[in-house]
Amino acid sequence: MEKTKLSDATDEGIRQIDTRATSVNLFSKLMHYAGIYAVALMFLLIGIVLQGLGIINSFLTTQNLLNILDAVSMLGIVAVGMAFVTYSGQYADLSVPTTMALTGIVAVQMLKYGFFPALIAAVAAGLVVGIINAVAVGKYKANPIIWTLAVNYVTLGVIRLVWVNKQIYPDMIAKTQRASDLFDSIYRLRFFNKIALPLLMLVVLVFILNFIMKKTKYGMQLKMTGAAQKAAKFSGINTERVIGTAFIICALTATVAGLTITSLSRVGAWYNGTGYDFKAVTAIVIGGMTLAGGRGSIVGVLGGVLIIGLMNNIMTLLGVGTFSQDMIRGFIFILVVGINAKSLRSMGRDDA
């Protein structure tokens, strides 16, 4: 009888350890099942209401919605790759902007030998940057923020030194019109005269990278490394290889984005890619992936990218200036992250 009472008391004590108040309301359920896409839907509804009130025009049109997707396709390509670095517990890769610029300018320079040699040269350049980061951060445990920021400045210096701070143009470098046209089509090719190639590339990357992160042995190791690197190492996981591979994946997606933005601007220049590192981090955090590592998903990151696209489009249609957009965007980012965290806590899932 005493043992039974002691057991009951112990069980009661365990049940009382977690004193957090939880409440499962409609909003919490929506955030739980729809995640960040519930917030994206909210911004979509805001745009519809503003159009209905006559405050903005042409928001809910096929062309405008396609414009939103086109605008965020390059950011999405960068973000889904950088998400692997974040997921591994290494915060972010700040060398992404100059990786984009370098691969784009290398591709333009190599167009003199043809379109496909230009693509191969661009991928090789991106791999070099990725491998350097992989070895430094993965093997030698360099601080990821300081190291990749340093690589960013070194790469920028190399670009300006080799190309003497000049812009180079595909149609002037390419020996044939076909090579120039093929490079131009990286951004401008449309399927069914509607769907842009970069958007299709983003969709393909989301499917592939989400599968790798959630359904493969490497993805499981990546999650364990991001959540508890020392414990992962003690369990036999080669954390150096896992982290290094994450930086290589990030460099490859930055290469794809670099080729795309260079095709869009029709110029190879050092400034292509500027700001994409912090934009990608913002999309990753808004999408529910924690900077501490080990939590989140590629699907969530895509939701964060869509939110950024909707916000930018609505503010542009409202005639909001660039500086004001930055300020408003900052407030909204804080609000979105806070709402998401509060929703998780209300359901007792703040550690999920």
Protein backbone atom coordinates (compact mmCIF):
# COMPACT_ATOMS: atom_id res chain seq x y z
CA MET A 1 0.00 0.00 0.00
CA GLU A 2 2.82 2.37 0.86
CA LYS A 3 4.56 1.57 -2.41
CA THR A 4 1.38 2.33 -4.28
CA LYS A 5 1.02 5.68 -2.53
CA LEU A 6 4.67 6.52 -3.21
CA SER A 7 4.26 5.59 -6.85
CA ASP A 8 1.12 7.70 -7.14
CA ALA A 9 2.88 10.63 -5.49
CA THR A 10 5.87 10.25 -7.82
CA ASP A 11 3.65 10.13 -10.88
CA GLU A 12 1.79 13.17 -9.66
CA GLY A 13 5.09 14.98 -9.12
CA ILE A 14 6.23 14.15 -12.66
CA ARG A 15 2.95 15.41 -14.06
CA GLN A 16 3.45 18.68 -12.19
CA ILE A 17 7.03 19.28 -13.40
CA ASP A 18 5.92 20.97 -16.64
CA THR A 19 4.00 23.98 -15.39
CA ARG A 20 3.69 25.73 -18.75
CA ALA A 21 0.17 26.76 -19.61
CA THR A 22 -0.97 25.27 -22.88
CA SER A 23 -4.05 26.12 -24.88
CA VAL A 24 -5.02 24.54 -28.17
CA ASN A 25 -7.08 27.18 -29.96
CA LEU A 26 -7.93 27.54 -33.63
CA PHE A 27 -4.94 29.78 -34.35
CA SER A 28 -2.54 27.39 -32.63
CA LYS A 29 -3.93 24.47 -34.61
CA LEU A 30 -3.58 26.44 -37.83
CA MET A 31 0.07 27.26 -37.09
CA HIS A 32 0.72 23.65 -36.04
CA TYR A 33 -0.64 22.05 -39.19
CA ALA A 34 -0.07 24.76 -41.78
CA GLY A 35 3.07 26.20 -40.21
CA ILE A 36 4.57 29.27 -41.81
CA TYR A 37 2.22 28.87 -44.79
CA ALA A 38 -0.59 30.12 -42.55
CA VAL A 39 1.31 33.41 -42.30
CA ALA A 40 1.87 33.42 -46.07
CA LEU A 41 -1.88 32.95 -46.52
CA MET A 42 -2.45 35.88 -44.15
CA PHE A 43 -0.32 38.17 -46.35
CA LEU A 44 -2.14 36.90 -49.44
CA LEU A 45 -5.48 37.79 -47.83
CA ILE A 46 -4.12 41.23 -46.87
CA GLY A 47 -3.27 41.85 -50.53
CA ILE A 48 -6.74 40.72 -51.62
CA VAL A 49 -8.42 43.00 -49.06
CA LEU A 50 -6.29 45.99 -50.09
CA GLN A 51 -7.21 45.38 -53.72
CA GLY A 52 -10.88 45.04 -52.79
CA LEU A 53 -10.74 48.39 -51.01
CA GLY A 54 -9.15 49.98 -54.07
CA ILE A 55 -5.92 50.82 -52.22
CA ILE A 56 -3.77 48.75 -54.60
CA ASN A 57 -4.35 47.50 -58.12
CA SER A 58 -3.65 44.25 -59.95
CA PHE A 59 -2.56 42.20 -56.94
CA LEU A 60 -4.72 39.14 -57.49
CA THR A 61 -3.79 38.55 -61.13
CA THR A 62 -1.98 35.62 -62.66
CA GLN A 63 0.78 37.85 -63.97
CA ASN A 64 1.40 39.54 -60.61
CA LEU A 65 1.46 36.25 -58.71
CA LEU A 66 3.92 34.87 -61.26
CA ASN A 67 5.97 38.04 -60.84
CA ILE A 68 6.13 37.36 -57.08
CA LEU A 69 7.35 33.81 -57.69
CA ASP A 70 9.91 35.02 -60.27
CA ALA A 71 11.18 37.65 -57.84
CA VAL A 72 11.83 35.17 -55.04
CA SER A 73 13.11 32.26 -57.12
CA MET A 74 16.77 33.26 -56.79
CA LEU A 75 16.41 33.97 -53.07
CA GLY A 76 14.74 30.60 -52.67
CA ILE A 77 17.58 28.82 -54.48
CA VAL A 78 20.11 30.45 -52.14
CA ALA A 79 18.02 29.88 -49.00
CA VAL A 80 17.37 26.16 -49.48
CA GLY A 81 21.10 25.60 -49.87
CA MET A 82 22.12 27.77 -46.94
CA ALA A 83 19.51 25.98 -44.84
CA PHE A 84 21.86 22.97 -44.75
CA VAL A 85 24.55 25.11 -43.12
CA THR A 86 22.05 26.44 -40.57
CA TYR A 87 20.61 22.97 -39.94
CA SER A 88 24.14 21.67 -39.25
CA GLY A 89 24.50 24.20 -36.42
CA GLN A 90 26.91 26.50 -38.29
CA TYR A 91 24.58 29.53 -38.46
CA ALA A 92 25.13 30.80 -42.01
CA ASP A 93 27.49 31.05 -44.96
CA LEU A 94 28.30 34.72 -45.46
CA SER A 95 30.47 34.03 -48.52
CA VAL A 96 27.33 33.44 -50.62
CA PRO A 97 27.19 36.95 -52.22
CA THR A 98 30.68 36.80 -53.71
CA THR A 99 30.26 33.13 -54.59
CA MET A 100 27.31 34.23 -56.71
CA ALA A 101 29.32 37.07 -58.23
CA LEU A 102 32.40 34.92 -58.88
CA THR A 103 30.55 32.05 -60.54
CA GLY A 104 28.57 34.45 -62.69
CA ILE A 105 31.59 36.40 -63.87
CA VAL A 106 33.59 33.21 -64.50
CA ALA A 107 30.73 31.86 -66.61
CA VAL A 108 30.58 35.04 -68.68
CA GLN A 109 34.36 35.02 -69.16
CA MET A 110 34.28 31.39 -70.32
CA LEU A 111 31.50 31.94 -72.84
CA LYS A 112 34.26 32.45 -75.40
CA TYR A 113 34.67 28.66 -75.31
CA GLY A 114 30.95 27.90 -75.46
CA PHE A 115 27.90 27.71 -73.20
CA PHE A 116 28.52 24.33 -71.57
CA PRO A 117 32.23 24.98 -70.81
CA ALA A 118 31.04 28.20 -69.16
CA LEU A 119 28.62 26.26 -66.94
CA ILE A 120 31.32 23.73 -66.00
CA ALA A 121 33.77 26.53 -65.13
CA ALA A 122 31.14 28.25 -62.97
CA VAL A 123 30.36 25.04 -61.05
CA ALA A 124 34.10 24.42 -60.57
CA ALA A 125 34.56 27.94 -59.16
CA GLY A 126 31.64 27.45 -56.79
CA LEU A 127 33.01 24.08 -55.67
CA VAL A 128 36.38 25.62 -54.87
CA VAL A 129 34.75 28.13 -52.52
CA GLY A 130 32.56 25.42 -51.00
CA ILE A 131 35.49 23.06 -50.41
CA ILE A 132 37.58 25.82 -48.82
CA ASN A 133 34.74 26.56 -46.39
CA ALA A 134 34.15 22.85 -45.81
CA VAL A 135 37.75 22.19 -44.84
CA ALA A 136 38.18 25.32 -42.73
CA VAL A 137 34.90 25.04 -40.78
CA GLY A 138 34.33 21.30 -40.88
CA LYS A 139 37.85 19.98 -40.34
CA TYR A 140 39.68 22.82 -38.62
CA LYS A 141 36.68 24.16 -36.64
CA ALA A 142 36.98 27.77 -37.83
CA ASN A 143 34.21 30.07 -36.62
CA PRO A 144 31.68 29.85 -39.49
CA ILE A 145 30.62 33.50 -39.36
CA ILE A 146 34.11 34.99 -39.15
CA TRP A 147 35.59 32.55 -41.66
CA THR A 148 32.92 32.85 -44.35
CA LEU A 149 32.84 36.63 -43.95
CA ALA A 150 36.61 36.65 -44.50
CA VAL A 151 36.24 34.41 -47.57
CA ASN A 152 33.59 36.81 -48.85
CA TYR A 153 36.01 39.75 -48.70
CA VAL A 154 38.92 37.74 -50.12
CA THR A 155 36.80 36.55 -53.06
CA LEU A 156 35.61 40.09 -53.64
CA GLY A 157 39.23 41.25 -53.71
CA VAL A 158 40.14 38.52 -56.21
CA ILE A 159 37.27 39.50 -58.51
CA ARG A 160 38.24 43.16 -58.44
CA LEU A 161 41.93 42.37 -58.94
CA VAL A 162 41.54 39.91 -61.82
CA TRP A 163 38.83 41.82 -63.67
CA VAL A 164 40.13 45.26 -62.63
CA ASN A 165 36.73 46.22 -61.22
CA LYS A 166 35.19 45.96 -64.69
CA GLN A 167 31.82 44.68 -65.79
CA ILE A 168 31.82 42.08 -68.57
CA TYR A 169 28.94 41.34 -70.92
CA PRO A 170 27.91 37.93 -72.30
CA ASP A 171 27.08 39.21 -75.78
CA MET A 172 30.55 40.81 -76.05
CA ILE A 173 32.51 37.83 -74.68
CA ALA A 174 30.70 34.96 -76.41
CA LYS A 175 32.15 33.90 -79.74
CA THR A 176 28.80 32.74 -81.06
CA GLN A 177 25.31 34.17 -80.81
CA ARG A 178 24.02 30.76 -79.73
CA ALA A 179 26.21 30.73 -76.62
CA SER A 180 25.04 34.22 -75.70
CA ASP A 181 21.38 33.31 -76.29
CA LEU A 182 21.62 30.13 -74.21
CA PHE A 183 23.15 32.05 -71.33
CA ASP A 184 20.46 34.70 -71.66
CA SER A 185 17.78 31.99 -71.48
CA ILE A 186 18.86 30.79 -68.02
CA TYR A 187 16.63 33.49 -66.54
CA ARG A 188 14.31 34.31 -69.44
CA LEU A 189 13.26 30.88 -70.67
CA ARG A 190 9.52 30.41 -70.08
CA PHE A 191 7.58 27.17 -70.17
CA PHE A 192 4.06 27.58 -71.58
CA ASN A 193 4.98 31.29 -71.82
CA LYS A 194 4.35 31.59 -68.07
CA ILE A 195 6.62 29.51 -65.83
CA ALA A 196 10.22 30.72 -65.59
CA LEU A 197 13.16 28.30 -65.57
CA PRO A 198 14.52 29.63 -62.22
CA LEU A 199 11.16 28.83 -60.60
CA LEU A 200 11.30 25.27 -61.92
CA MET A 201 14.88 24.96 -60.68
CA LEU A 202 13.72 26.09 -57.23
CA VAL A 203 10.92 23.50 -57.19
CA VAL A 204 13.32 20.73 -58.20
CA LEU A 205 15.85 21.80 -55.57
CA VAL A 206 13.17 21.91 -52.87
CA PHE A 207 12.11 18.33 -53.64
CA ILE A 208 15.67 16.99 -53.83
CA LEU A 209 17.08 18.83 -50.82
CA ASN A 210 14.03 18.19 -48.66
CA PHE A 211 14.34 14.48 -49.45
CA ILE A 212 18.04 14.54 -48.56
CA MET A 213 17.42 16.39 -45.30
CA LYS A 214 14.44 14.34 -44.11
CA LYS A 215 14.70 10.91 -45.72
CA THR A 216 18.37 9.97 -45.98
CA LYS A 217 21.06 8.76 -43.60
CA TYR A 218 23.01 11.96 -44.25
CA GLY A 219 19.97 14.03 -43.29
CA MET A 220 19.66 12.17 -40.00
CA GLN A 221 23.35 12.73 -39.31
CA LEU A 222 22.96 16.40 -40.21
CA LYS A 223 20.11 16.78 -37.74
CA MET A 224 22.07 15.07 -34.95
CA THR A 225 25.15 17.16 -35.71
CA GLY A 226 23.15 20.38 -35.61
CA ALA A 227 21.28 19.45 -32.44
CA ALA A 228 24.30 18.17 -30.46
CA GLN A 229 27.59 18.05 -32.33
CA LYS A 230 29.65 16.48 -29.53
CA ALA A 231 27.07 13.79 -28.89
CA ALA A 232 26.88 13.07 -32.63
CA LYS A 233 30.64 12.70 -32.80
CA PHE A 234 30.70 10.34 -29.82
CA SER A 235 28.01 8.23 -31.48
CA GLY A 236 30.30 7.62 -34.46
CA ILE A 237 29.10 10.27 -36.91
CA ASN A 238 31.81 11.92 -39.00
CA THR A 239 30.71 15.45 -38.12
CA GLU A 240 33.55 16.99 -40.13
CA ARG A 241 32.23 15.38 -43.32
CA VAL A 242 28.62 16.23 -42.47
CA ILE A 243 29.35 19.92 -41.89
CA GLY A 244 31.69 20.11 -44.87
CA THR A 245 29.06 18.63 -47.18
CA ALA A 246 26.55 21.24 -45.97
CA PHE A 247 28.89 24.05 -47.04
CA ILE A 248 29.45 22.41 -50.44
CA ILE A 249 25.69 22.12 -51.01
CA CYS A 250 25.33 25.79 -50.07
CA ALA A 251 28.08 26.78 -52.53
CA LEU A 252 26.44 24.80 -55.35
CA THR A 253 23.04 26.44 -54.86
CA ALA A 254 24.79 29.83 -54.69
CA THR A 255 26.37 28.93 -58.04
CA VAL A 256 22.95 28.24 -59.58
CA ALA A 257 21.66 31.56 -58.20
CA GLY A 258 24.79 33.34 -59.42
CA LEU A 259 24.29 32.08 -62.97
CA THR A 260 20.63 33.12 -62.78
CA ILE A 261 21.20 36.65 -61.52
CA THR A 262 24.01 37.18 -64.05
CA SER A 263 21.70 36.02 -66.83
CA LEU A 264 19.02 38.39 -65.52
CA SER A 265 21.31 41.43 -65.43
CA ARG A 266 23.21 40.39 -68.60
CA VAL A 267 26.42 41.47 -66.92
CA GLY A 268 29.13 39.77 -64.90
CA ALA A 269 30.06 42.07 -62.01
CA TRP A 270 31.37 42.00 -58.43
CA TYR A 271 28.11 43.33 -56.98
CA ASN A 272 25.87 40.51 -58.25
CA GLY A 273 24.57 38.69 -55.19
CA THR A 274 24.93 41.57 -52.75
CA GLY A 275 22.61 41.15 -49.77
CA TYR A 276 21.51 37.61 -50.55
CA ASP A 277 23.27 36.22 -47.47
CA PHE A 278 21.14 38.18 -44.98
CA LYS A 279 17.98 37.80 -47.06
CA ALA A 280 18.48 34.04 -47.07
CA VAL A 281 19.08 33.95 -43.31
CA THR A 282 15.89 35.96 -42.81
CA ALA A 283 13.88 33.52 -44.93
CA ILE A 284 15.40 30.59 -43.04
CA VAL A 285 14.55 32.01 -39.61
CA ILE A 286 11.05 33.09 -40.64
CA GLY A 287 10.55 29.62 -42.09
CA GLY A 288 10.99 28.12 -38.63
CA MET A 289 14.57 26.86 -38.80
CA THR A 290 16.53 27.71 -35.67
CA LEU A 291 20.03 29.16 -35.99
CA ALA A 292 21.15 26.80 -33.23
CA GLY A 293 20.77 23.92 -35.68
CA GLY A 294 18.95 20.60 -35.82
CA ARG A 295 15.40 21.96 -36.26
CA GLY A 296 13.35 23.06 -39.24
CA SER A 297 12.75 21.96 -42.82
CA ILE A 298 13.29 22.98 -46.43
CA VAL A 299 9.51 23.21 -46.88
CA GLY A 300 9.39 25.73 -44.03
CA VAL A 301 12.22 27.76 -45.55
CA LEU A 302 10.28 27.90 -48.83
CA GLY A 303 7.36 29.34 -46.84
CA GLY A 304 9.66 32.02 -45.44
CA VAL A 305 10.75 32.90 -48.98
CA LEU A 306 7.11 33.21 -50.10
CA ILE A 307 6.34 35.55 -47.20
CA ILE A 308 9.21 37.82 -48.21
CA GLY A 309 7.95 37.85 -51.80
CA LEU A 310 4.39 38.72 -50.79
CA MET A 311 5.53 41.44 -48.40
CA ASN A 312 7.78 43.06 -50.99
CA ASN A 313 5.09 42.96 -53.65
CA ILE A 314 2.39 44.48 -51.44
CA MET A 315 4.68 47.27 -50.24
CA THR A 316 5.76 48.03 -53.81
CA LEU A 317 2.14 48.24 -54.97
CA LEU A 318 1.46 50.57 -52.04
CA GLY A 319 4.27 52.83 -53.25
CA VAL A 320 6.37 52.36 -50.12
CA GLY A 321 9.97 53.53 -50.59
CA THR A 322 13.02 51.27 -50.23
CA PHE A 323 14.15 52.57 -46.85
CA SER A 324 10.64 52.47 -45.44
CA GLN A 325 10.28 48.91 -46.76
CA ASP A 326 13.41 47.87 -44.85
CA MET A 327 12.03 49.33 -41.63
CA ILE A 328 8.56 47.80 -42.05
CA ARG A 329 10.06 44.47 -43.05
CA GLY A 330 12.15 44.41 -39.89
CA PHE A 331 9.11 44.96 -37.67
CA ILE A 332 7.09 42.33 -39.52
CA PHE A 333 9.94 39.79 -39.30
CA ILE A 334 10.07 40.21 -35.54
CA LEU A 335 6.29 39.88 -35.34
CA VAL A 336 6.20 36.72 -37.47
CA VAL A 337 8.95 34.99 -35.50
CA GLY A 338 7.26 35.97 -32.23
CA ILE A 339 3.85 34.71 -33.35
CA ASN A 340 5.33 31.40 -34.49
CA ALA A 341 7.21 30.90 -31.21
CA LYS A 342 4.16 31.83 -29.12
CA SER A 343 2.02 29.40 -31.06
CA LEU A 344 4.46 26.56 -30.43
CA ARG A 345 4.61 27.39 -26.72
CA SER A 346 0.84 27.47 -26.45
CA MET A 347 0.77 23.90 -27.68
CA GLY A 348 3.65 22.83 -25.44
CA ARG A 349 5.98 22.42 -28.45
CA ASP A 350 8.53 25.19 -27.96
CA ASP A 351 11.24 22.54 -27.93
CA ALA A 352 10.06 20.91 -31.16
